[in-house]
C-alpha cells in the first residue's frame, strides 16, 4: 500500500463541524430504518456452559476460542515495584492481533465526506450505531469465522485508495492487554458502490451526532480523532501560544514515565485472587467492578448470523472529564499522565478525570482528583456533555459520560505533579507519537476546533 499522502486532510476547515437539526434527524431516521429492516438482531446473556467454540482451558482456566484466534480472557497481575503490597489481579482481554478501523473518504460537491455504516454490535445499548467503513479484527477480515467477507476491505489492504491517515493507536489499558488498532482514512477519487447500511456523512454530521447519546460508536470516534487540524490557525483552539513549550511537556512526561514503576504480567485466569467464577459471570468478591459474562447473538446483517462469545460488562457508567481554561487567548486542557496495567506504551495522557462508577464516588475520600470540579454546576461553562458507548464488540452496554467544562482562571488551581496544562495543538502533536489514551482522544474529538470554543 502507498505511504500516507502528505496533503492529509488539510482542506478540512474546522468550521465545517456544524450541521443543522434537519440533517441530523434525517440520519437518525436512516439508522432507525436500518434497524427495522435488517432482520433479527438480539443479544442474550447465557451460562458459560452454553458457549459454542469457546472453552476454559484445563491448565490455566483462560477463556479462549477453539481456533485460538479472536481474543481470550486471561488473568493479569499488576504491582508497583516500589510498593508490592498494592498489587492487584483482574481478568483482562488479550487480543494480540492488530485490527483495522478505517474510513473511506472522498470530496463530493466540494465537501469531504466519509463512508460510514450503521452497524449492529452485540454490546451496543441501542443495537445499531455509526461505525467506520471497516471495523474488523484480523481474525474477522481473514474470515476465521467462515462468514461473509468484510465489505470494502480492499480499500485498506490493497492499492485501491490513497491513505490520508495510517497510524497505530492504543486501546483501553484497563481492559485490554497491550492492544492497538490501525486507524486509517483513505481517499478515493472514483465513484464506489454504496452498499445497504452504508452512507456518506460529512464531518459536520459526525460531530453533531456525537452530541446525541450512544449514536457514534467508539471506533468511529477513534478514527476521527486522528484528523489533524493544526494547519489552521484562524481559531482560538488552534493558535500556537501555550503555557508550556512542546519540549517542556515532553520532558515532564518523560520524567513521569521514568519514575513510574508499574509491572503487569499475564497469569492464569483461574488463579486470580478475589474474583469468583459462577455459572454466568466472573466478578470481584466484594468490589463493584466490571465482570465477565457470556452472550448468544443473533445478527442477520453481520458476516455470521449467529454466534456466542464472552464479553465484559459494567452497569455503572464511568466518567471522562476534561477541564479547560484560557491562557494567552488559547484554550488549555488539564491532562494527567498515568499508566494502566494493559498499556503497551507505559504512561499515556488521560483526561482530567478518568474513572469508572463515578456516581458512587462523589462522596468517596479516595475519589479521583477534580471529580467534584468536573461534575460541579457553577463557575464554569459546559462545552460538551453526553453519554457515549464503549466498543460494542467486546463490552456489553458499557458507557461513559463525556464532559468538558471551561473554568475561568483555572490555571490558578493547585495541581498534582502528574497533571499539566496543554493546548489542543500540543495534544494533537503528542497523539502522533501514540501518547494519548483512547479516553483523551475521544474527548478531544467531541470538541471540534471551531471559534465557538472561546473564553
Protein backbone atom coordinates (compact mmCIF):
# COMPACT_ATOMS: atom_id res chain seq x y z
CA UNK A 1 0.00 0.00 0.00
CA UNK A 2 1.19 3.55 -0.69
CA UNK A 3 2.55 5.74 2.14
CA UNK A 4 0.05 8.26 3.56
CA UNK A 5 -0.48 11.37 1.46
CA UNK A 6 1.47 14.42 2.62
CA UNK A 7 -1.59 16.57 1.97
CA UNK A 8 -3.56 14.62 4.57
CA UNK A 9 -6.91 16.21 5.40
CA UNK A 10 -5.64 19.77 5.45
CA UNK A 11 -8.56 21.07 3.38
CA UNK A 12 -10.96 20.22 6.25
CA UNK A 13 -11.81 23.56 7.76
CA UNK A 14 -12.65 23.19 11.49
CA UNK A 15 -15.74 25.33 10.98
CA UNK A 16 -17.18 22.52 8.84
CA UNK A 17 -18.08 20.75 12.09
CA UNK A 18 -21.59 22.22 12.17
CA UNK A 19 -24.77 20.57 10.97
CA UNK A 20 -28.42 21.57 11.11
CA UNK A 21 -31.05 19.69 13.10
CA UNK A 22 -32.93 18.61 9.99
CA UNK A 23 -29.88 16.83 8.62
CA UNK A 24 -29.24 15.16 11.99
CA UNK A 25 -32.83 13.95 12.23
CA UNK A 26 -32.62 12.52 8.69
CA UNK A 27 -29.57 10.47 9.70
CA UNK A 28 -31.26 9.26 12.90
CA UNK A 29 -34.26 8.11 10.83
CA UNK A 30 -31.88 6.27 8.48
CA UNK A 31 -30.37 4.40 11.46
CA UNK A 32 -33.85 3.55 12.72
CA UNK A 33 -34.90 2.25 9.31
CA UNK A 34 -31.72 0.19 9.12
CA UNK A 35 -32.62 -1.37 12.46
CA UNK A 36 -36.20 -2.11 11.37
CA UNK A 37 -35.35 -3.67 8.01
CA UNK A 38 -32.14 -5.62 8.67
CA UNK A 39 -33.65 -8.80 10.08
CA UNK A 40 -33.48 -10.20 13.59
CA UNK A 41 -30.92 -8.72 15.97
CA UNK A 42 -30.69 -9.52 19.65
CA UNK A 43 -28.16 -10.42 22.34
CA UNK A 44 -29.00 -12.68 25.28
CA UNK A 45 -26.98 -13.50 28.40
CA UNK A 46 -26.22 -17.22 28.70
CA UNK A 47 -24.34 -19.58 31.01
CA UNK A 48 -20.67 -20.16 30.23
CA UNK A 49 -21.58 -23.81 29.59
CA UNK A 50 -23.73 -22.70 26.64
CA UNK A 51 -20.81 -21.10 24.79
CA UNK A 52 -20.04 -22.79 21.48
CA UNK A 53 -16.46 -22.87 20.13
CA UNK A 54 -15.26 -21.27 23.38
CA UNK A 55 -13.82 -23.11 26.37
CA UNK A 56 -11.97 -22.63 29.65
CA UNK A 57 -8.54 -24.20 29.22
CA UNK A 58 -7.75 -27.05 31.59
CA UNK A 59 -4.30 -25.80 32.54
CA UNK A 60 -4.87 -22.14 33.36
CA UNK A 61 -8.61 -21.66 33.07
CA UNK A 62 -8.25 -18.98 30.39
CA UNK A 63 -11.38 -18.47 28.29
CA UNK A 64 -10.47 -18.79 24.61
CA UNK A 65 -11.85 -19.63 21.18
CA UNK A 66 -11.28 -23.13 19.81
CA UNK A 67 -9.38 -21.64 16.85
CA UNK A 68 -7.03 -19.87 19.32
CA UNK A 69 -7.79 -16.69 17.37
CA UNK A 70 -10.10 -13.72 18.02
CA UNK A 71 -9.32 -12.96 21.69
CA UNK A 72 -9.08 -14.61 25.09
CA UNK A 73 -9.98 -13.68 28.65
CA UNK A 74 -6.91 -14.18 30.85
CA UNK A 75 -5.67 -13.07 34.24
CA UNK A 76 -3.37 -10.13 34.90
CA UNK A 77 -1.14 -9.47 37.91
CA UNK A 78 -0.17 -5.82 38.44
CA UNK A 79 2.04 -4.27 41.07
CA UNK A 80 4.02 -1.14 41.78
CA UNK A 81 7.56 -2.34 42.31
CA UNK A 82 8.03 0.46 44.87
CA UNK A 83 5.01 -0.77 46.85
CA UNK A 84 4.44 -4.51 46.22
CA UNK A 85 1.69 -4.59 48.87
CA UNK A 86 -0.50 -2.59 46.48
CA UNK A 87 -0.61 -5.41 43.92
CA UNK A 88 -3.92 -6.47 42.36
CA UNK A 89 -5.22 -9.04 39.93
CA UNK A 90 -8.03 -8.95 37.40
CA UNK A 91 -9.39 -10.52 34.21
CA UNK A 92 -8.26 -8.81 31.01
CA UNK A 93 -8.86 -9.19 27.27
CA UNK A 94 -5.79 -10.46 25.43
CA UNK A 95 -6.08 -9.82 21.69
CA UNK A 96 -2.58 -9.62 20.18
CA UNK A 97 -3.95 -9.01 16.68
CA UNK A 98 -3.97 -5.53 15.15
CA UNK A 99 -7.41 -4.74 13.74
CA UNK A 100 -8.39 -2.16 11.12
CA UNK A 101 -10.59 0.82 11.92
CA UNK A 102 -10.94 2.56 8.59
CA UNK A 103 -12.97 5.28 6.89
CA UNK A 104 -13.22 5.71 3.13
CA UNK A 105 -13.27 9.41 2.27
CA UNK A 106 -13.85 11.47 -0.84
CA UNK A 107 -14.69 15.03 -1.82
CA UNK A 108 -18.27 15.26 -3.07
CA UNK A 109 -19.61 18.60 -4.31
CA UNK A 110 -16.66 20.42 -2.76
CA UNK A 111 -17.17 18.87 0.69
CA UNK A 112 -15.15 15.99 2.11
CA UNK A 113 -17.36 13.11 3.20
CA UNK A 114 -16.81 9.80 4.98
CA UNK A 115 -18.42 6.44 4.25
CA UNK A 116 -19.86 5.05 7.49
CA UNK A 117 -22.09 2.11 8.28
CA UNK A 118 -24.99 1.65 10.68
CA UNK A 119 -23.66 -1.49 12.33
CA UNK A 120 -25.02 -3.88 14.91
CA UNK A 121 -22.67 -4.91 17.70
CA UNK A 122 -23.78 -7.30 20.47
CA UNK A 123 -22.89 -4.87 23.24
CA UNK A 124 -24.49 -1.75 21.75
CA UNK A 125 -27.08 -0.14 24.01
CA UNK A 126 -29.27 0.76 21.04
CA UNK A 127 -28.22 -2.14 18.77
CA UNK A 128 -27.10 -0.05 15.75
CA UNK A 129 -24.52 2.72 15.96
CA UNK A 130 -22.46 4.63 13.39
CA UNK A 131 -19.29 2.63 12.71
CA UNK A 132 -16.33 3.17 10.37
CA UNK A 133 -16.44 1.78 6.83
CA UNK A 134 -14.33 -1.13 8.07
CA UNK A 135 -14.26 -2.16 11.72
CA UNK A 136 -12.71 -5.60 11.89
CA UNK A 137 -10.22 -7.66 13.80
CA UNK A 138 -7.61 -9.61 11.87
CA UNK A 139 -9.50 -12.81 12.69
CA UNK A 140 -12.65 -11.31 11.20
CA UNK A 141 -11.20 -9.97 7.98
CA UNK A 142 -9.20 -13.16 7.40
CA UNK A 143 -12.56 -14.96 7.85
CA UNK A 144 -11.68 -17.33 10.66
CA UNK A 145 -15.43 -17.26 11.33
CA UNK A 146 -16.07 -18.73 7.82
CA UNK A 147 -18.64 -15.99 7.23
CA UNK A 148 -19.12 -13.36 4.54
CA UNK A 149 -16.11 -11.19 3.58
CA UNK A 150 -15.65 -7.74 5.11
CA UNK A 151 -17.12 -5.11 2.79
CA UNK A 152 -14.69 -2.52 1.37
CA UNK A 153 -11.65 -4.22 2.98
CA UNK A 154 -9.67 -3.97 -0.28
CA UNK A 155 -9.55 -0.17 0.02
CA UNK A 156 -7.42 -0.57 3.15
CA UNK A 157 -5.27 -3.56 2.25
CA UNK A 158 -4.54 -3.05 -1.45
CA UNK A 159 -3.81 -0.04 -3.69
CA UNK A 160 -7.40 0.94 -4.41
CA UNK A 161 -7.14 4.19 -2.43
CA UNK A 162 -4.66 6.80 -1.21
CA UNK A 163 -4.01 6.69 2.56
CA UNK A 164 -4.52 10.03 4.27
CA UNK A 165 -4.11 8.69 7.82
CA UNK A 166 -2.50 5.41 8.83
CA UNK A 167 -1.49 5.15 12.47
CA UNK A 168 -1.43 2.64 15.32
CA UNK A 169 -3.35 3.85 18.38
CA UNK A 170 -3.80 2.20 21.76
CA UNK A 171 -6.98 0.73 23.20
CA UNK A 172 -8.24 0.67 26.82
CA UNK A 173 -5.31 -0.10 29.09
CA UNK A 174 -7.55 -1.19 31.97
CA UNK A 175 -9.45 -3.77 29.91
CA UNK A 176 -7.12 -4.82 27.05
CA UNK A 177 -3.59 -6.17 27.39
CA UNK A 178 -1.28 -4.13 25.13
CA UNK A 179 -3.91 -3.76 22.41
CA UNK A 180 -3.50 -1.47 19.42
CA UNK A 181 -5.61 -0.89 16.32
CA UNK A 182 -4.68 0.53 12.95
CA UNK A 183 -6.66 3.76 12.49
CA UNK A 184 -6.98 4.70 8.80
CA UNK A 185 -8.63 7.20 6.49
CA UNK A 186 -8.21 6.57 2.77
CA UNK A 187 -9.12 8.83 -0.14
CA UNK A 188 -10.92 7.66 -3.29
CA UNK A 189 -11.47 9.70 -6.44
CA UNK A 190 -13.86 7.49 -8.39
CA UNK A 191 -17.45 6.59 -7.61
CA UNK A 192 -17.78 3.47 -5.49
CA UNK A 193 -20.95 1.48 -4.79
CA UNK A 194 -22.70 2.39 -1.54
CA UNK A 195 -23.90 -0.90 -0.09
CA UNK A 196 -27.02 -1.35 2.00
CA UNK A 197 -26.41 0.01 5.50
CA UNK A 198 -23.69 2.45 4.41
CA UNK A 199 -23.97 6.22 3.98
CA UNK A 200 -21.79 9.23 3.19
CA UNK A 201 -21.59 11.67 6.14
CA UNK A 202 -19.70 14.92 6.49
CA UNK A 203 -17.50 15.73 9.44
CA UNK A 204 -20.25 18.18 10.46
CA UNK A 205 -22.76 15.31 10.58
CA UNK A 206 -20.49 13.16 12.73
CA UNK A 207 -19.72 15.93 15.22
CA UNK A 208 -23.40 16.86 15.53
CA UNK A 209 -24.38 13.24 16.17
CA UNK A 210 -21.79 12.97 18.95
CA UNK A 211 -23.99 15.30 20.99
CA UNK A 212 -26.65 12.57 20.91
CA UNK A 213 -26.18 9.75 23.43
CA UNK A 214 -24.78 6.49 22.06
CA UNK A 215 -25.03 7.17 18.31
CA UNK A 216 -21.39 7.47 17.13
CA UNK A 217 -19.51 4.37 18.24
CA UNK A 218 -16.09 4.27 19.88
CA UNK A 219 -14.21 3.17 16.77
CA UNK A 220 -15.56 6.00 14.62
CA UNK A 221 -14.56 8.46 17.32
CA UNK A 222 -11.10 6.94 17.46
CA UNK A 223 -10.53 7.32 13.70
CA UNK A 224 -11.91 10.86 13.56
CA UNK A 225 -9.65 11.83 16.49
CA UNK A 226 -6.66 11.29 14.20
CA UNK A 227 -7.64 14.18 11.92
CA UNK A 228 -5.10 16.93 12.46
CA UNK A 229 -6.41 20.49 12.28
CA UNK A 230 -3.11 22.09 13.21
CA UNK A 231 -2.58 23.59 9.76
CA UNK A 232 -5.37 26.03 10.66
CA UNK A 233 -4.65 28.98 12.96
CA UNK A 234 -7.80 31.05 12.48
CA UNK A 235 -9.49 29.67 15.59
CA UNK A 236 -8.54 30.19 19.27
CA UNK A 237 -8.24 26.44 19.84
CA UNK A 238 -5.52 26.17 17.20
CA UNK A 239 -3.30 29.16 17.94
CA UNK A 240 0.33 28.45 18.78
CA UNK A 241 0.62 30.34 22.09
CA UNK A 242 0.89 27.98 25.09
CA UNK A 243 1.75 27.92 28.78
CA UNK A 244 4.45 25.29 28.23
CA UNK A 245 6.59 24.61 25.19
CA UNK A 246 6.33 21.26 23.45
CA UNK A 247 9.77 20.42 24.79
CA UNK A 248 8.71 21.16 28.36
CA UNK A 249 5.64 18.94 28.01
CA UNK A 250 7.68 16.05 26.61
CA UNK A 251 10.28 16.49 29.33
CA UNK A 252 7.54 16.41 32.00
CA UNK A 253 6.03 13.26 30.50
CA UNK A 254 9.43 11.60 30.19
CA UNK A 255 10.13 12.17 33.90
CA UNK A 256 6.72 10.73 34.81
CA UNK A 257 7.43 7.68 32.65
CA UNK A 258 10.88 7.26 34.20
CA UNK A 259 9.52 7.35 37.74
CA UNK A 260 6.54 5.04 37.13
CA UNK A 261 7.25 1.50 38.26
CA UNK A 262 4.13 -0.43 37.27
CA UNK A 263 4.73 -4.06 36.32
CA UNK A 264 1.96 -6.16 34.73
CA UNK A 265 2.17 -9.84 33.82
CA UNK A 266 -0.38 -12.19 32.30
CA UNK A 267 -1.35 -15.08 34.57
CA UNK A 268 -3.86 -17.96 34.57
CA UNK A 269 -7.42 -16.70 34.83
CA UNK A 270 -8.39 -19.32 37.40
CA UNK A 271 -5.58 -18.19 39.72
CA UNK A 272 -6.52 -14.52 40.09
CA UNK A 273 -7.20 -13.54 43.69
CA UNK A 274 -10.52 -12.11 44.94
CA UNK A 275 -12.50 -12.94 41.81
CA UNK A 276 -15.31 -15.52 41.74
CA UNK A 277 -16.44 -17.60 38.77
CA UNK A 278 -20.01 -18.92 38.79
CA UNK A 279 -22.24 -20.24 36.01
CA UNK A 280 -22.87 -16.82 34.45
CA UNK A 281 -20.12 -14.43 35.47
CA UNK A 282 -16.62 -13.82 36.70
CA UNK A 283 -16.86 -10.99 39.24
CA UNK A 284 -14.95 -9.47 42.14
CA UNK A 285 -15.90 -10.90 45.52
CA UNK A 286 -16.51 -7.57 47.24
CA UNK A 287 -15.96 -4.56 45.00
CA UNK A 288 -18.49 -3.40 42.37
CA UNK A 289 -16.12 -3.72 39.41
CA UNK A 290 -16.68 -4.89 35.85
CA UNK A 291 -17.46 -8.56 35.27
CA UNK A 292 -17.13 -11.19 32.53
CA UNK A 293 -20.28 -12.69 31.02
CA UNK A 294 -21.31 -14.85 28.05
CA UNK A 295 -23.85 -13.96 25.35
CA UNK A 296 -25.66 -15.59 22.45
CA UNK A 297 -26.03 -13.26 19.46
CA UNK A 298 -28.40 -13.19 16.51
CA UNK A 299 -27.42 -10.62 13.89
CA UNK A 300 -28.74 -11.25 10.40
CA UNK A 301 -26.91 -8.22 8.98
CA UNK A 302 -23.46 -9.41 10.09
CA UNK A 303 -20.93 -11.67 8.35
CA UNK A 304 -22.07 -14.55 10.58
CA UNK A 305 -25.78 -14.51 11.55
CA UNK A 306 -25.41 -16.31 14.90
CA UNK A 307 -22.61 -16.83 17.40
CA UNK A 308 -21.72 -16.89 21.09
CA UNK A 309 -18.89 -15.09 22.86
CA UNK A 310 -17.67 -13.75 26.21
CA UNK A 311 -17.95 -10.03 26.93
CA UNK A 312 -17.05 -7.56 29.67
CA UNK A 313 -19.92 -5.69 31.30
CA UNK A 314 -20.45 -2.94 33.88
CA UNK A 315 -23.87 -1.44 34.58
CA UNK A 316 -22.40 1.65 36.25
CA UNK A 317 -21.32 4.45 33.88
CA UNK A 318 -17.84 5.88 34.00
CA UNK A 319 -16.73 9.48 33.60
CA UNK A 320 -14.29 11.05 31.17
CA UNK A 321 -13.99 14.67 32.26
CA UNK A 322 -11.81 17.44 30.90
CA UNK A 323 -11.21 20.86 32.46
CA UNK A 324 -10.36 23.72 30.11
CA UNK A 325 -9.21 27.26 30.82
CA UNK A 326 -8.00 30.08 28.57
CA UNK A 327 -4.37 31.23 28.78
CA UNK A 328 -2.73 33.71 26.39
CA UNK A 329 -6.02 33.74 24.48
CA UNK A 330 -5.85 29.99 23.79
CA UNK A 331 -7.88 27.21 25.48
CA UNK A 332 -5.68 24.86 27.55
CA UNK A 333 -6.73 21.45 28.85
CA UNK A 334 -5.77 19.83 32.14
CA UNK A 335 -4.47 16.33 31.39
CA UNK A 336 -2.90 13.70 33.58
CA UNK A 337 -0.10 11.22 32.92
CA UNK A 338 -0.77 7.76 34.26
CA UNK A 339 -0.21 4.12 33.47
CA UNK A 340 -2.90 1.48 33.30
CA UNK A 341 -2.00 -2.20 33.60
CA UNK A 342 -2.55 -3.13 29.96
CA UNK A 343 -0.85 -0.11 28.36
CA UNK A 344 1.63 -1.00 25.65
CA UNK A 345 3.46 2.34 25.89
CA UNK A 346 3.73 2.79 29.65
CA UNK A 347 2.35 6.16 30.74
CA UNK A 348 -0.16 7.87 28.48
CA UNK A 349 -2.03 11.14 28.73
CA UNK A 350 -5.55 10.86 30.14
CA UNK A 351 -8.38 13.33 30.70
CA UNK A 352 -8.52 15.35 33.92
CA UNK A 353 -10.84 12.68 35.33
CA UNK A 354 -10.94 9.14 34.01
CA UNK A 355 -12.82 6.78 36.30
CA UNK A 356 -15.49 4.09 36.47
CA UNK A 357 -18.57 4.14 38.72
CA UNK A 358 -18.41 7.90 39.09
CA UNK A 359 -21.93 8.23 40.54
CA UNK A 360 -20.94 6.29 43.65
CA UNK A 361 -17.58 8.03 44.12
CA UNK A 362 -18.58 11.66 44.63
CA UNK A 363 -18.51 11.24 48.44
CA UNK A 364 -15.55 8.84 48.49
CA UNK A 365 -12.48 10.28 50.29
CA UNK A 366 -10.34 8.41 47.75
CA UNK A 367 -12.24 9.83 44.77
CA UNK A 368 -10.13 10.90 41.77
CA UNK A 369 -8.73 14.42 41.83
CA UNK A 370 -11.04 17.07 40.33
CA UNK A 371 -14.08 14.75 40.21
CA UNK A 372 -16.31 17.22 42.08
CA UNK A 373 -14.96 20.10 39.98
CA UNK A 374 -15.85 18.39 36.70
CA UNK A 375 -19.33 17.49 37.96
CA UNK A 376 -19.98 20.88 39.59
CA UNK A 377 -22.77 23.12 38.33
CA UNK A 378 -21.33 26.57 38.99
CA UNK A 379 -18.47 28.86 37.91
CA UNK A 380 -17.96 27.14 34.58
CA UNK A 381 -19.28 26.78 31.04
CA UNK A 382 -20.19 23.32 29.74
CA UNK A 383 -18.64 22.72 26.33
CA UNK A 384 -19.77 19.10 25.95
CA UNK A 385 -21.83 16.59 27.94
CA UNK A 386 -23.14 13.29 26.55
CA UNK A 387 -23.19 9.55 27.24
CA UNK A 388 -21.12 7.64 24.69
CA UNK A 389 -20.70 3.88 24.42
CA UNK A 390 -17.63 1.75 24.68
CA UNK A 391 -16.84 -0.59 21.78
CA UNK A 392 -19.79 -2.97 21.44
CA UNK A 393 -17.87 -5.98 20.15
CA UNK A 394 -16.16 -6.65 23.49
CA UNK A 395 -18.11 -4.53 26.02
CA UNK A 396 -21.75 -5.20 26.86
CA UNK A 397 -23.71 -1.95 27.30
CA UNK A 398 -20.82 -0.06 28.88
CA UNK A 399 -20.99 3.71 28.55
CA UNK A 400 -19.12 6.73 29.85
CA UNK A 401 -20.27 10.25 30.47
CA UNK A 402 -18.08 12.58 28.41
CA UNK A 403 -17.96 16.06 29.89
CA UNK A 404 -15.82 19.10 29.02
CA UNK A 405 -16.08 22.27 31.09
CA UNK A 406 -14.36 25.65 30.82
CA UNK A 407 -13.38 27.42 34.05
CA UNK A 408 -12.06 30.98 34.18
CA UNK A 409 -8.68 31.31 35.90
CA UNK A 410 -8.42 27.54 36.47
CA UNK A 411 -4.66 27.77 35.96
CA UNK A 412 -4.50 29.20 39.48
CA UNK A 413 -5.61 25.84 40.90
CA UNK A 414 -3.03 23.69 42.66
CA UNK A 415 -2.44 20.57 40.57
CA UNK A 416 -0.60 17.31 41.37
CA UNK A 417 2.78 16.65 39.75
CA UNK A 418 1.31 14.20 37.23
CA UNK A 419 -1.10 16.85 35.84
CA UNK A 420 -0.23 19.51 33.29
CA UNK A 421 -1.90 22.13 31.06
CA UNK A 422 -1.64 21.58 27.29
CA UNK A 423 -3.25 23.09 24.22
CA UNK A 424 -5.27 21.24 21.59
CA UNK A 425 -2.43 21.79 19.12
CA UNK A 426 0.13 20.27 21.50
CA UNK A 427 -2.07 17.26 22.25
CA UNK A 428 -2.54 16.61 18.55
CA UNK A 429 1.21 16.56 18.11
CA UNK A 430 1.63 14.12 21.01
CA UNK A 431 -1.12 11.95 19.56
CA UNK A 432 1.04 11.32 16.51
CA UNK A 433 3.50 9.52 18.81
CA UNK A 434 0.78 7.43 20.48
CA UNK A 435 0.99 9.35 23.77
CA UNK A 436 -2.77 9.94 24.10
CA UNK A 437 -5.09 7.40 25.71
CA UNK A 438 -8.26 6.47 23.87
CA UNK A 439 -10.26 8.30 26.54
CA UNK A 440 -8.45 11.59 25.89
CA UNK A 441 -8.64 11.14 22.11
CA UNK A 442 -12.38 10.57 22.37
CA UNK A 443 -12.89 13.71 24.44
CA UNK A 444 -10.87 15.87 22.08
CA UNK A 445 -12.89 14.70 19.09
CA UNK A 446 -16.03 15.76 20.94
CA UNK A 447 -14.65 19.28 20.70
CA UNK A 448 -14.48 20.45 17.07
CA UNK A 449 -11.87 23.15 16.71
CA UNK A 450 -14.27 25.98 15.93
CA UNK A 451 -14.38 29.60 17.02
CA UNK A 452 -17.28 28.94 19.41
CA UNK A 453 -14.82 27.50 21.95
CA UNK A 454 -13.55 30.70 23.48
CA UNK A 455 -13.47 32.04 26.99
